[in-house]
């Protein structure tokens, strides 16, 4: 399956530089990418308000039904790879019920590719 991940700054640049190797998505409901991403899938990376300009492959993926304790465990275990030091408010994740962690591999810049607006969605499955 192919996916479009919309990322804001500084996370987009962190993925491209290799500083951020895990894309995390936190939600109140089971919305994509929860239970939609599989190892080997292609992710098209799009900075908010811009064209798709990079791709990545899914190296690994984990899904979680969250508790506050599990959120803290994820932060401690994977925080550096997620980029938690760049979160404005890590505490907001304590209110979320679901989390998808996606390990990224083979991140590559591509020629800009226009895609339809996401209308506020942060993740699109194709």
PDB file of N, CA and C in Angstrom:
ATOM      1  N   UNK A   1       0.843  -1.173   0.000  1.00  0.00           N
ATOM      2  CA  UNK A   1       0.000   0.000   0.000  1.00  0.00           C
ATOM      3  C   UNK A   1       0.893   1.243   0.000  1.00  0.00           C
ATOM      4  N   UNK A   2       0.363   2.311  -0.563  1.00  0.00           N
ATOM      5  CA  UNK A   2       1.067   3.584  -0.568  1.00  0.00           C
ATOM      6  C   UNK A   2       0.357   4.547   0.367  1.00  0.00           C
ATOM      7  N   UNK A   3       1.158   5.428   0.968  1.00  0.00           N
ATOM      8  CA  UNK A   3       0.646   6.373   1.950  1.00  0.00           C
ATOM      9  C   UNK A   3       1.224   7.750   1.670  1.00  0.00           C
ATOM     10  N   UNK A   4       0.489   8.769   2.064  1.00  0.00           N
ATOM     11  CA  UNK A   4       1.010  10.134   2.060  1.00  0.00           C
ATOM     12  C   UNK A   4       0.986  10.598   3.504  1.00  0.00           C
ATOM     13  N   UNK A   5       2.160  10.951   4.012  1.00  0.00           N
ATOM     14  CA  UNK A   5       2.283  11.468   5.375  1.00  0.00           C
ATOM     15  C   UNK A   5       2.553  12.966   5.284  1.00  0.00           C
ATOM     16  N   UNK A   6       1.700  13.747   5.919  1.00  0.00           N
ATOM     17  CA  UNK A   6       1.882  15.189   5.959  1.00  0.00           C
ATOM     18  C   UNK A   6       2.586  15.527   7.264  1.00  0.00           C
ATOM     19  N   UNK A   7       3.745  16.174   7.154  1.00  0.00           N
ATOM     20  CA  UNK A   7       4.547  16.508   8.330  1.00  0.00           C
ATOM     21  C   UNK A   7       4.781  18.011   8.390  1.00  0.00           C
ATOM     22  N   UNK A   8       4.756  18.543   9.600  1.00  0.00           N
ATOM     23  CA  UNK A   8       5.089  19.948   9.782  1.00  0.00           C
ATOM     24  C   UNK A   8       6.560  20.046  10.172  1.00  0.00           C
ATOM     25  N   UNK A   9       7.047  21.255  10.148  1.00  0.00           N
ATOM     26  CA  UNK A   9       8.425  21.512  10.571  1.00  0.00           C
ATOM     27  C   UNK A   9       8.469  21.545  12.097  1.00  0.00           C
ATOM     28  N   UNK A  10       9.527  21.144  12.723  1.00  0.00           N
ATOM     29  CA  UNK A  10      10.816  20.745  12.143  1.00  0.00           C
ATOM     30  C   UNK A  10      10.879  19.266  11.767  1.00  0.00           C
ATOM     31  N   UNK A  11       9.763  18.535  11.937  1.00  0.00           N
ATOM     32  CA  UNK A  11       9.792  17.079  11.765  1.00  0.00           C
ATOM     33  C   UNK A  11      10.122  16.649  10.344  1.00  0.00           C
ATOM     34  N   UNK A  12       9.609  17.391   9.351  1.00  0.00           N
ATOM     35  CA  UNK A  12       9.897  17.046   7.964  1.00  0.00           C
ATOM     36  C   UNK A  12      11.405  17.058   7.714  1.00  0.00           C
ATOM     37  N   UNK A  13      12.058  18.149   8.088  1.00  0.00           N
ATOM     38  CA  UNK A  13      13.513  18.247   7.886  1.00  0.00           C
ATOM     39  C   UNK A  13      14.269  17.217   8.717  1.00  0.00           C
ATOM     40  N   UNK A  14      13.764  16.884   9.899  1.00  0.00           N
ATOM     41  CA  UNK A  14      14.420  15.881  10.746  1.00  0.00           C
ATOM     42  C   UNK A  14      14.394  14.505  10.089  1.00  0.00           C
ATOM     43  N   UNK A  15      13.294  14.176   9.409  1.00  0.00           N
ATOM     44  CA  UNK A  15      13.214  12.901   8.683  1.00  0.00           C
ATOM     45  C   UNK A  15      14.228  12.902   7.544  1.00  0.00           C
ATOM     46  N   UNK A  16      14.265  13.983   6.781  1.00  0.00           N
ATOM     47  CA  UNK A  16      15.187  14.044   5.639  1.00  0.00           C
ATOM     48  C   UNK A  16      16.644  13.962   6.070  1.00  0.00           C
ATOM     49  N   UNK A  17      16.974  14.545   7.212  1.00  0.00           N
ATOM     50  CA  UNK A  17      18.366  14.539   7.684  1.00  0.00           C
ATOM     51  C   UNK A  17      18.758  13.219   8.357  1.00  0.00           C
ATOM     52  N   UNK A  18      17.761  12.382   8.668  1.00  0.00           N
ATOM     53  CA  UNK A  18      18.042  11.126   9.362  1.00  0.00           C
ATOM     54  C   UNK A  18      18.040  11.261  10.871  1.00  0.00           C
ATOM     55  N   UNK A  19      17.798  12.453  11.378  1.00  0.00           N
ATOM     56  CA  UNK A  19      17.726  12.665  12.830  1.00  0.00           C
ATOM     57  C   UNK A  19      16.482  11.988  13.416  1.00  0.00           C
ATOM     58  N   UNK A  20      15.393  11.999  12.667  1.00  0.00           N
ATOM     59  CA  UNK A  20      14.136  11.372  13.089  1.00  0.00           C
ATOM     60  C   UNK A  20      13.947  10.118  12.243  1.00  0.00           C
ATOM     61  N   UNK A  21      13.992   8.953  12.879  1.00  0.00           N
ATOM     62  CA  UNK A  21      13.897   7.689  12.148  1.00  0.00           C
ATOM     63  C   UNK A  21      12.599   6.945  12.405  1.00  0.00           C
ATOM     64  N   UNK A  22      11.807   7.460  13.349  1.00  0.00           N
ATOM     65  CA  UNK A  22      10.492   6.873  13.638  1.00  0.00           C
ATOM     66  C   UNK A  22       9.444   7.962  13.489  1.00  0.00           C
ATOM     67  N   UNK A  23       8.470   7.714  12.621  1.00  0.00           N
ATOM     68  CA  UNK A  23       7.322   8.620  12.517  1.00  0.00           C
ATOM     69  C   UNK A  23       6.264   8.110  13.489  1.00  0.00           C
ATOM     70  N   UNK A  24       5.798   8.982  14.361  1.00  0.00           N
ATOM     71  CA  UNK A  24       4.772   8.590  15.334  1.00  0.00           C
ATOM     72  C   UNK A  24       3.487   9.328  15.016  1.00  0.00           C
ATOM     73  N   UNK A  25       2.381   8.629  15.147  1.00  0.00           N
ATOM     74  CA  UNK A  25       1.061   9.221  14.971  1.00  0.00           C
ATOM     75  C   UNK A  25       0.212   8.840  16.172  1.00  0.00           C
ATOM     76  N   UNK A  26      -0.366   9.850  16.818  1.00  0.00           N
ATOM     77  CA  UNK A  26      -1.125   9.717  18.051  1.00  0.00           C
ATOM     78  C   UNK A  26      -2.551  10.182  17.794  1.00  0.00           C
ATOM     79  N   UNK A  27      -3.533   9.430  18.279  1.00  0.00           N
ATOM     80  CA  UNK A  27      -4.919   9.810  17.988  1.00  0.00           C
ATOM     81  C   UNK A  27      -5.875   9.334  19.077  1.00  0.00           C
ATOM     82  N   UNK A  28      -7.060   9.918  19.035  1.00  0.00           N
ATOM     83  CA  UNK A  28      -8.128   9.512  19.950  1.00  0.00           C
ATOM     84  C   UNK A  28      -8.927   8.342  19.380  1.00  0.00           C
ATOM     85  N   UNK A  29      -8.871   8.161  18.061  1.00  0.00           N
ATOM     86  CA  UNK A  29      -9.647   7.128  17.374  1.00  0.00           C
ATOM     87  C   UNK A  29      -8.729   6.300  16.486  1.00  0.00           C
ATOM     88  N   UNK A  30      -9.201   5.157  16.050  1.00  0.00           N
ATOM     89  CA  UNK A  30      -8.417   4.275  15.183  1.00  0.00           C
ATOM     90  C   UNK A  30      -8.486   4.792  13.744  1.00  0.00           C
ATOM     91  N   UNK A  31      -7.719   5.857  13.487  1.00  0.00           N
ATOM     92  CA  UNK A  31      -7.673   6.452  12.156  1.00  0.00           C
ATOM     93  C   UNK A  31      -6.326   6.143  11.517  1.00  0.00           C
ATOM     94  N   UNK A  32      -6.243   6.189  10.156  1.00  0.00           N
ATOM     95  CA  UNK A  32      -4.959   5.928   9.522  1.00  0.00           C
ATOM     96  C   UNK A  32      -3.869   6.849  10.081  1.00  0.00           C
ATOM     97  N   UNK A  33      -2.696   6.280  10.292  1.00  0.00           N
ATOM     98  CA  UNK A  33      -2.202   5.014   9.772  1.00  0.00           C
ATOM     99  C   UNK A  33      -2.440   3.801  10.678  1.00  0.00           C
ATOM    100  N   UNK A  34      -3.178   3.967  11.778  1.00  0.00           N
ATOM    101  CA  UNK A  34      -3.386   2.863  12.726  1.00  0.00           C
ATOM    102  C   UNK A  34      -3.956   1.646  11.990  1.00  0.00           C
ATOM    103  N   UNK A  35      -3.252   0.524  12.098  1.00  0.00           N
ATOM    104  CA  UNK A  35      -3.612  -0.752  11.470  1.00  0.00           C
ATOM    105  C   UNK A  35      -3.688  -0.701   9.955  1.00  0.00           C
ATOM    106  N   UNK A  36      -3.054   0.285   9.327  1.00  0.00           N
ATOM    107  CA  UNK A  36      -3.078   0.411   7.867  1.00  0.00           C
ATOM    108  C   UNK A  36      -1.694   0.267   7.237  1.00  0.00           C
ATOM    109  N   UNK A  37      -0.637   0.442   8.012  1.00  0.00           N
ATOM    110  CA  UNK A  37       0.728   0.436   7.494  1.00  0.00           C
ATOM    111  C   UNK A  37       1.360  -0.934   7.725  1.00  0.00           C
ATOM    112  N   UNK A  38       2.097  -1.404   6.716  1.00  0.00           N
ATOM    113  CA  UNK A  38       2.794  -2.678   6.835  1.00  0.00           C
ATOM    114  C   UNK A  38       4.248  -2.512   6.393  1.00  0.00           C
ATOM    115  N   UNK A  39       5.101  -3.390   6.874  1.00  0.00           N
ATOM    116  CA  UNK A  39       6.504  -3.404   6.466  1.00  0.00           C
ATOM    117  C   UNK A  39       6.565  -3.505   4.940  1.00  0.00           C
ATOM    118  N   UNK A  40       7.415  -2.673   4.342  1.00  0.00           N
ATOM    119  CA  UNK A  40       7.577  -2.661   2.893  1.00  0.00           C
ATOM    120  C   UNK A  40       6.736  -1.627   2.179  1.00  0.00           C
ATOM    121  N   UNK A  41       5.736  -1.056   2.851  1.00  0.00           N
ATOM    122  CA  UNK A  41       4.910  -0.021   2.236  1.00  0.00           C
ATOM    123  C   UNK A  41       5.756   1.198   1.906  1.00  0.00           C
ATOM    124  N   UNK A  42       5.313   1.955   0.906  1.00  0.00           N
ATOM    125  CA  UNK A  42       5.943   3.215   0.527  1.00  0.00           C
ATOM    126  C   UNK A  42       5.180   4.368   1.163  1.00  0.00           C
ATOM    127  N   UNK A  43       5.924   5.309   1.727  1.00  0.00           N
ATOM    128  CA  UNK A  43       5.326   6.516   2.291  1.00  0.00           C
ATOM    129  C   UNK A  43       5.854   7.706   1.505  1.00  0.00           C
ATOM    130  N   UNK A  44       4.940   8.477   0.946  1.00  0.00           N
ATOM    131  CA  UNK A  44       5.287   9.743   0.296  1.00  0.00           C
ATOM    132  C   UNK A  44       5.245  10.808   1.373  1.00  0.00           C
ATOM    133  N   UNK A  45       6.314  11.572   1.484  1.00  0.00           N
ATOM    134  CA  UNK A  45       6.447  12.573   2.543  1.00  0.00           C
ATOM    135  C   UNK A  45       6.173  13.964   1.997  1.00  0.00           C
ATOM    136  N   UNK A  46       5.261  14.652   2.664  1.00  0.00           N
ATOM    137  CA  UNK A  46       4.805  15.964   2.224  1.00  0.00           C
ATOM    138  C   UNK A  46       4.873  16.931   3.391  1.00  0.00           C
ATOM    139  N   UNK A  47       5.593  18.026   3.191  1.00  0.00           N
ATOM    140  CA  UNK A  47       5.584  19.070   4.205  1.00  0.00           C
ATOM    141  C   UNK A  47       4.263  19.822   4.103  1.00  0.00           C
ATOM    142  N   UNK A  48       3.704  20.192   5.244  1.00  0.00           N
ATOM    143  CA  UNK A  48       2.434  20.904   5.284  1.00  0.00           C
ATOM    144  C   UNK A  48       2.441  22.070   4.297  1.00  0.00           C
ATOM    145  N   UNK A  49       1.403  22.124   3.439  1.00  0.00           N
ATOM    146  CA  UNK A  49       1.242  23.225   2.504  1.00  0.00           C
ATOM    147  C   UNK A  49       2.117  23.164   1.270  1.00  0.00           C
ATOM    148  N   UNK A  50       2.866  22.078   1.093  1.00  0.00           N
ATOM    149  CA  UNK A  50       3.777  21.959  -0.053  1.00  0.00           C
ATOM    150  C   UNK A  50       3.502  20.657  -0.795  1.00  0.00           C
ATOM    151  N   UNK A  51       4.272  20.431  -1.878  1.00  0.00           N
ATOM    152  CA  UNK A  51       4.156  19.197  -2.648  1.00  0.00           C
ATOM    153  C   UNK A  51       4.870  18.053  -1.935  1.00  0.00           C
ATOM    154  N   UNK A  52       4.609  16.837  -2.367  1.00  0.00           N
ATOM    155  CA  UNK A  52       5.384  15.682  -1.920  1.00  0.00           C
ATOM    156  C   UNK A  52       6.795  15.854  -2.479  1.00  0.00           C
ATOM    157  N   UNK A  53       7.804  15.713  -1.623  1.00  0.00           N
ATOM    158  CA  UNK A  53       9.188  15.893  -2.087  1.00  0.00           C
ATOM    159  C   UNK A  53      10.130  14.793  -1.601  1.00  0.00           C
ATOM    160  N   UNK A  54       9.592  13.744  -0.988  1.00  0.00           N
ATOM    161  CA  UNK A  54      10.449  12.649  -0.518  1.00  0.00           C
ATOM    162  C   UNK A  54       9.621  11.378  -0.373  1.00  0.00           C
ATOM    163  N   UNK A  55      10.310  10.262  -0.329  1.00  0.00           N
ATOM    164  CA  UNK A  55       9.675   8.975  -0.063  1.00  0.00           C
ATOM    165  C   UNK A  55      10.477   8.240   0.998  1.00  0.00           C
ATOM    166  N   UNK A  56       9.835   7.249   1.595  1.00  0.00           N
ATOM    167  CA  UNK A  56      10.500   6.367   2.557  1.00  0.00           C
ATOM    168  C   UNK A  56       9.830   5.001   2.476  1.00  0.00           C
ATOM    169  N   UNK A  57      10.531   4.004   2.930  1.00  0.00           N
ATOM    170  CA  UNK A  57       9.975   2.654   3.052  1.00  0.00           C
ATOM    171  C   UNK A  57       9.749   2.359   4.527  1.00  0.00           C
ATOM    172  N   UNK A  58       8.736   1.561   4.795  1.00  0.00           N
ATOM    173  CA  UNK A  58       8.438   1.151   6.163  1.00  0.00           C
ATOM    174  C   UNK A  58       9.326  -0.044   6.502  1.00  0.00           C
ATOM    175  N   UNK A  59      10.200   0.166   7.484  1.00  0.00           N
ATOM    176  CA  UNK A  59      11.114  -0.889   7.930  1.00  0.00           C
ATOM    177  C   UNK A  59      10.467  -1.743   9.016  1.00  0.00           C
ATOM    178  N   UNK A  60       9.697  -1.107   9.884  1.00  0.00           N
ATOM    179  CA  UNK A  60       8.988  -1.801  10.971  1.00  0.00           C
ATOM    180  C   UNK A  60       7.834  -0.907  11.406  1.00  0.00           C
ATOM    181  N   UNK A  61       6.869  -1.515  12.068  1.00  0.00           N
ATOM    182  CA  UNK A  61       5.716  -0.748  12.555  1.00  0.00           C
ATOM    183  C   UNK A  61       5.181  -1.409  13.815  1.00  0.00           C
ATOM    184  N   UNK A  62       4.724  -0.579  14.755  1.00  0.00           N
ATOM    185  CA  UNK A  62       4.097  -1.070  15.981  1.00  0.00           C
ATOM    186  C   UNK A  62       2.850  -0.235  16.251  1.00  0.00           C
ATOM    187  N   UNK A  63       1.811  -0.907  16.730  1.00  0.00           N
ATOM    188  CA  UNK A  63       0.558  -0.249  17.091  1.00  0.00           C
ATOM    189  C   UNK A  63       0.326  -0.412  18.583  1.00  0.00           C
ATOM    190  N   UNK A  64      -0.194   0.648  19.206  1.00  0.00           N
ATOM    191  CA  UNK A  64      -0.424   0.619  20.645  1.00  0.00           C
ATOM    192  C   UNK A  64      -1.810   1.151  20.984  1.00  0.00           C
ATOM    193  N   UNK A  65      -2.464   0.505  21.949  1.00  0.00           N
ATOM    194  CA  UNK A  65      -3.611   1.078  22.642  1.00  0.00           C
ATOM    195  C   UNK A  65      -3.026   1.629  23.929  1.00  0.00           C
ATOM    196  N   UNK A  66      -3.153   2.930  24.122  1.00  0.00           N
ATOM    197  CA  UNK A  66      -2.349   3.641  25.109  1.00  0.00           C
ATOM    198  C   UNK A  66      -2.944   3.712  26.513  1.00  0.00           C
ATOM    199  N   UNK A  67      -2.021   3.794  27.450  1.00  0.00           N
ATOM    200  CA  UNK A  67      -2.278   4.205  28.823  1.00  0.00           C
ATOM    201  C   UNK A  67      -1.245   5.299  29.097  1.00  0.00           C
ATOM    202  N   UNK A  68      -1.450   6.150  30.092  1.00  0.00           N
ATOM    203  CA  UNK A  68      -0.421   7.156  30.393  1.00  0.00           C
ATOM    204  C   UNK A  68       0.953   6.532  30.666  1.00  0.00           C
ATOM    205  N   UNK A  69       0.967   5.371  31.298  1.00  0.00           N
ATOM    206  CA  UNK A  69       2.235   4.694  31.591  1.00  0.00           C
ATOM    207  C   UNK A  69       2.919   4.241  30.300  1.00  0.00           C
ATOM    208  N   UNK A  70       2.132   3.746  29.355  1.00  0.00           N
ATOM    209  CA  UNK A  70       2.693   3.293  28.084  1.00  0.00           C
ATOM    210  C   UNK A  70       3.217   4.470  27.261  1.00  0.00           C
ATOM    211  N   UNK A  71       2.531   5.607  27.309  1.00  0.00           N
ATOM    212  CA  UNK A  71       3.020   6.814  26.631  1.00  0.00           C
ATOM    213  C   UNK A  71       4.403   7.175  27.163  1.00  0.00           C
ATOM    214  N   UNK A  72       4.569   7.152  28.459  1.00  0.00           N
ATOM    215  CA  UNK A  72       5.863   7.473  29.062  1.00  0.00           C
ATOM    216  C   UNK A  72       6.917   6.441  28.672  1.00  0.00           C
ATOM    217  N   UNK A  73       6.537   5.174  28.619  1.00  0.00           N
ATOM    218  CA  UNK A  73       7.468   4.118  28.215  1.00  0.00           C
ATOM    219  C   UNK A  73       7.923   4.323  26.768  1.00  0.00           C
ATOM    220  N   UNK A  74       6.990   4.671  25.877  1.00  0.00           N
ATOM    221  CA  UNK A  74       7.332   4.937  24.475  1.00  0.00           C
ATOM    222  C   UNK A  74       8.289   6.124  24.397  1.00  0.00           C
ATOM    223  N   UNK A  75       7.985   7.188  25.150  1.00  0.00           N
ATOM    224  CA  UNK A  75       8.848   8.378  25.140  1.00  0.00           C
ATOM    225  C   UNK A  75      10.263   8.025  25.590  1.00  0.00           C
ATOM    226  N   UNK A  76      10.378   7.245  26.650  1.00  0.00           N
ATOM    227  CA  UNK A  76      11.698   6.878  27.164  1.00  0.00           C
ATOM    228  C   UNK A  76      12.456   5.960  26.213  1.00  0.00           C
ATOM    229  N   UNK A  77      11.750   5.003  25.626  1.00  0.00           N
ATOM    230  CA  UNK A  77      12.405   3.999  24.785  1.00  0.00           C
ATOM    231  C   UNK A  77      12.728   4.523  23.379  1.00  0.00           C
ATOM    232  N   UNK A  78      11.809   5.302  22.793  1.00  0.00           N
ATOM    233  CA  UNK A  78      11.954   5.709  21.401  1.00  0.00           C
ATOM    234  C   UNK A  78      12.030   7.228  21.202  1.00  0.00           C
ATOM    235  N   UNK A  79      12.062   7.984  22.283  1.00  0.00           N
ATOM    236  CA  UNK A  79      11.975   9.441  22.202  1.00  0.00           C
ATOM    237  C   UNK A  79      12.955  10.096  21.261  1.00  0.00           C
ATOM    238  N   UNK A  80      14.208   9.694  21.307  1.00  0.00           N
ATOM    239  CA  UNK A  80      15.221  10.323  20.455  1.00  0.00           C
ATOM    240  C   UNK A  80      14.899  10.093  18.983  1.00  0.00           C
ATOM    241  N   UNK A  81      14.506   8.876  18.631  1.00  0.00           N
ATOM    242  CA  UNK A  81      14.199   8.556  17.234  1.00  0.00           C
ATOM    243  C   UNK A  81      12.913   9.230  16.758  1.00  0.00           C
ATOM    244  N   UNK A  82      11.977   9.476  17.691  1.00  0.00           N
ATOM    245  CA  UNK A  82      10.717  10.157  17.359  1.00  0.00           C
ATOM    246  C   UNK A  82      10.943  11.663  17.265  1.00  0.00           C
ATOM    247  N   UNK A  83      11.857  12.186  18.052  1.00  0.00           N
ATOM    248  CA  UNK A  83      12.115  13.615  18.087  1.00  0.00           C
ATOM    249  C   UNK A  83      11.334  14.313  19.183  1.00  0.00           C
ATOM    250  N   UNK A  84      11.163  13.623  20.324  1.00  0.00           N
ATOM    251  CA  UNK A  84      10.332  14.187  21.393  1.00  0.00           C
ATOM    252  C   UNK A  84      10.876  15.490  21.957  1.00  0.00           C
ATOM    253  N   UNK A  85      12.173  15.744  21.791  1.00  0.00           N
ATOM    254  CA  UNK A  85      12.717  17.006  22.286  1.00  0.00           C
ATOM    255  C   UNK A  85      12.189  18.195  21.490  1.00  0.00           C
ATOM    256  N   UNK A  86      11.562  17.929  20.334  1.00  0.00           N
ATOM    257  CA  UNK A  86      11.001  18.991  19.498  1.00  0.00           C
ATOM    258  C   UNK A  86       9.488  19.170  19.722  1.00  0.00           C
ATOM    259  N   UNK A  87       8.881  18.297  20.520  1.00  0.00           N
ATOM    260  CA  UNK A  87       7.454  18.423  20.806  1.00  0.00           C
ATOM    261  C   UNK A  87       7.233  19.665  21.643  1.00  0.00           C
ATOM    262  N   UNK A  88       6.226  20.450  21.287  1.00  0.00           N
ATOM    263  CA  UNK A  88       5.884  21.613  22.104  1.00  0.00           C
ATOM    264  C   UNK A  88       5.263  21.154  23.424  1.00  0.00           C
ATOM    265  N   UNK A  89       4.455  20.090  23.350  1.00  0.00           N
ATOM    266  CA  UNK A  89       3.722  19.648  24.533  1.00  0.00           C
ATOM    267  C   UNK A  89       3.586  18.136  24.518  1.00  0.00           C
ATOM    268  N   UNK A  90       4.596  17.447  25.016  1.00  0.00           N
ATOM    269  CA  UNK A  90       4.552  15.980  25.065  1.00  0.00           C
ATOM    270  C   UNK A  90       3.381  15.524  25.923  1.00  0.00           C
ATOM    271  N   UNK A  91       2.995  16.312  26.911  1.00  0.00           N
ATOM    272  CA  UNK A  91       1.898  15.953  27.823  1.00  0.00           C
ATOM    273  C   UNK A  91       0.592  15.725  27.071  1.00  0.00           C
ATOM    274  N   UNK A  92       0.398  16.386  25.934  1.00  0.00           N
ATOM    275  CA  UNK A  92      -0.837  16.224  25.161  1.00  0.00           C
ATOM    276  C   UNK A  92      -1.015  14.781  24.699  1.00  0.00           C
ATOM    277  N   UNK A  93       0.096  14.060  24.517  1.00  0.00           N
ATOM    278  CA  UNK A  93      -0.011  12.673  24.074  1.00  0.00           C
ATOM    279  C   UNK A  93      -0.590  11.779  25.173  1.00  0.00           C
ATOM    280  N   UNK A  94      -0.535  12.234  26.410  1.00  0.00           N
ATOM    281  CA  UNK A  94      -1.112  11.440  27.508  1.00  0.00           C
ATOM    282  C   UNK A  94      -2.619  11.298  27.365  1.00  0.00           C
ATOM    283  N   UNK A  95      -3.248  12.190  26.619  1.00  0.00           N
ATOM    284  CA  UNK A  95      -4.696  12.144  26.423  1.00  0.00           C
ATOM    285  C   UNK A  95      -5.101  11.256  25.250  1.00  0.00           C
ATOM    286  N   UNK A  96      -4.141  10.835  24.433  1.00  0.00           N
ATOM    287  CA  UNK A  96      -4.438  10.041  23.241  1.00  0.00           C
ATOM    288  C   UNK A  96      -4.678   8.583  23.617  1.00  0.00           C
ATOM    289  N   UNK A  97      -5.418   7.884  22.749  1.00  0.00           N
ATOM    290  CA  UNK A  97      -5.762   6.484  23.015  1.00  0.00           C
ATOM    291  C   UNK A  97      -5.017   5.492  22.126  1.00  0.00           C
ATOM    292  N   UNK A  98      -4.509   5.982  20.977  1.00  0.00           N
ATOM    293  CA  UNK A  98      -3.860   5.084  20.024  1.00  0.00           C
ATOM    294  C   UNK A  98      -2.570   5.712  19.511  1.00  0.00           C
ATOM    295  N   UNK A  99      -1.616   4.840  19.205  1.00  0.00           N
ATOM    296  CA  UNK A  99      -0.329   5.312  18.675  1.00  0.00           C
ATOM    297  C   UNK A  99       0.168   4.322  17.627  1.00  0.00           C
ATOM    298  N   UNK A 100       0.702   4.872  16.555  1.00  0.00           N
ATOM    299  CA  UNK A 100       1.386   4.083  15.536  1.00  0.00           C
ATOM    300  C   UNK A 100       2.821   4.583  15.469  1.00  0.00           C
ATOM    301  N   UNK A 101       3.772   3.672  15.599  1.00  0.00           N
ATOM    302  CA  UNK A 101       5.190   3.997  15.413  1.00  0.00           C
ATOM    303  C   UNK A 101       5.639   3.332  14.119  1.00  0.00           C
ATOM    304  N   UNK A 102       6.244   4.133  13.234  1.00  0.00           N
ATOM    305  CA  UNK A 102       6.668   3.643  11.929  1.00  0.00           C
ATOM    306  C   UNK A 102       8.159   3.926  11.770  1.00  0.00           C
ATOM    307  N   UNK A 103       8.948   2.871  11.665  1.00  0.00           N
ATOM    308  CA  UNK A 103      10.386   3.006  11.444  1.00  0.00           C
ATOM    309  C   UNK A 103      10.593   3.242   9.951  1.00  0.00           C
ATOM    310  N   UNK A 104      11.320   4.314   9.632  1.00  0.00           N
ATOM    311  CA  UNK A 104      11.527   4.711   8.245  1.00  0.00           C
ATOM    312  C   UNK A 104      12.895   4.268   7.740  1.00  0.00           C
ATOM    313  N   UNK A 105      12.929   3.836   6.492  1.00  0.00           N
ATOM    314  CA  UNK A 105      14.178   3.442   5.843  1.00  0.00           C
ATOM    315  C   UNK A 105      14.196   4.026   4.436  1.00  0.00           C
ATOM    316  N   UNK A 106      15.377   4.116   3.859  1.00  0.00           N
ATOM    317  CA  UNK A 106      15.537   4.551   2.467  1.00  0.00           C
ATOM    318  C   UNK A 106      14.818   5.862   2.173  1.00  0.00           C
ATOM    319  N   UNK A 107      14.997   6.843   3.050  1.00  0.00           N
ATOM    320  CA  UNK A 107      14.400   8.159   2.825  1.00  0.00           C
ATOM    321  C   UNK A 107      15.152   8.819   1.678  1.00  0.00           C
ATOM    322  N   UNK A 108      14.397   9.250   0.664  1.00  0.00           N
ATOM    323  CA  UNK A 108      15.005   9.852  -0.517  1.00  0.00           C
ATOM    324  C   UNK A 108      14.200  11.053  -0.967  1.00  0.00           C
ATOM    325  N   UNK A 109      14.906  12.098  -1.394  1.00  0.00           N
ATOM    326  CA  UNK A 109      14.244  13.229  -2.019  1.00  0.00           C
ATOM    327  C   UNK A 109      13.817  12.825  -3.420  1.00  0.00           C
ATOM    328  N   UNK A 110      12.682  13.362  -3.863  1.00  0.00           N
ATOM    329  CA  UNK A 110      12.186  13.108  -5.216  1.00  0.00           C
ATOM    330  C   UNK A 110      11.795  14.445  -5.848  1.00  0.00           C
ATOM    331  N   UNK A 111      11.574  14.415  -7.147  1.00  0.00           N
ATOM    332  CA  UNK A 111      11.056  15.606  -7.817  1.00  0.00           C
ATOM    333  C   UNK A 111       9.685  15.913  -7.216  1.00  0.00           C
ATOM    334  N   UNK A 112       9.373  17.193  -7.021  1.00  0.00           N
ATOM    335  CA  UNK A 112       8.079  17.537  -6.417  1.00  0.00           C
ATOM    336  C   UNK A 112       6.908  16.894  -7.157  1.00  0.00           C
ATOM    337  N   UNK A 113       5.994  16.367  -6.372  1.00  0.00           N
ATOM    338  CA  UNK A 113       4.819  15.674  -6.887  1.00  0.00           C
ATOM    339  C   UNK A 113       3.588  16.320  -6.273  1.00  0.00           C
ATOM    340  N   UNK A 114       2.714  16.849  -7.105  1.00  0.00           N
ATOM    341  CA  UNK A 114       1.501  17.476  -6.587  1.00  0.00           C
ATOM    342  C   UNK A 114       0.478  16.405  -6.250  1.00  0.00           C
ATOM    343  N   UNK A 115      -0.174  16.577  -5.110  1.00  0.00           N
ATOM    344  CA  UNK A 115      -1.267  15.690  -4.701  1.00  0.00           C
ATOM    345  C   UNK A 115      -2.423  16.567  -4.249  1.00  0.00           C
ATOM    346  N   UNK A 116      -3.651  16.039  -4.295  1.00  0.00           N
ATOM    347  CA  UNK A 116      -4.790  16.840  -3.839  1.00  0.00           C
ATOM    348  C   UNK A 116      -4.638  17.231  -2.370  1.00  0.00           C
ATOM    349  N   UNK A 117      -5.243  18.345  -2.010  1.00  0.00           N
ATOM    350  CA  UNK A 117      -5.208  18.808  -0.617  1.00  0.00           C
ATOM    351  C   UNK A 117      -5.781  17.727   0.295  1.00  0.00           C
ATOM    352  N   UNK A 118      -5.253  17.659   1.503  1.00  0.00           N
ATOM    353  CA  UNK A 118      -5.688  16.623   2.453  1.00  0.00           C
ATOM    354  C   UNK A 118      -6.862  17.067   3.307  1.00  0.00           C
ATOM    355  N   UNK A 119      -7.229  18.351   3.211  1.00  0.00           N
ATOM    356  CA  UNK A 119      -8.346  18.893   4.006  1.00  0.00           C
ATOM    357  C   UNK A 119      -8.192  18.601   5.493  1.00  0.00           C
ATOM    358  N   UNK A 120      -6.984  18.791   5.989  1.00  0.00           N
ATOM    359  CA  UNK A 120      -6.724  18.647   7.410  1.00  0.00           C
ATOM    360  C   UNK A 120      -6.254  17.286   7.856  1.00  0.00           C
ATOM    361  N   UNK A 121      -6.351  16.279   6.991  1.00  0.00           N
ATOM    362  CA  UNK A 121      -5.874  14.939   7.361  1.00  0.00           C
ATOM    363  C   UNK A 121      -4.356  14.935   7.388  1.00  0.00           C
ATOM    364  N   UNK A 122      -3.785  14.252   8.360  1.00  0.00           N
ATOM    365  CA  UNK A 122      -2.334  14.157   8.469  1.00  0.00           C
ATOM    366  C   UNK A 122      -1.773  12.923   7.786  1.00  0.00           C
ATOM    367  N   UNK A 123      -2.677  12.029   7.352  1.00  0.00           N
ATOM    368  CA  UNK A 123      -2.230  10.769   6.750  1.00  0.00           C
ATOM    369  C   UNK A 123      -3.286  10.335   5.737  1.00  0.00           C
ATOM    370  N   UNK A 124      -2.819   9.932   4.566  1.00  0.00           N
ATOM    371  CA  UNK A 124      -3.743   9.480   3.512  1.00  0.00           C
ATOM    372  C   UNK A 124      -3.252   8.123   3.021  1.00  0.00           C
ATOM    373  N   UNK A 125      -4.142   7.155   2.918  1.00  0.00           N
ATOM    374  CA  UNK A 125      -3.828   5.835   2.381  1.00  0.00           C
ATOM    375  C   UNK A 125      -4.304   5.772   0.930  1.00  0.00           C
ATOM    376  N   UNK A 126      -3.459   5.232   0.074  1.00  0.00           N
ATOM    377  CA  UNK A 126      -3.808   5.086  -1.362  1.00  0.00           C
ATOM    378  C   UNK A 126      -3.775   3.635  -1.764  1.00  0.00           C
TER     379      UNK A 126
END
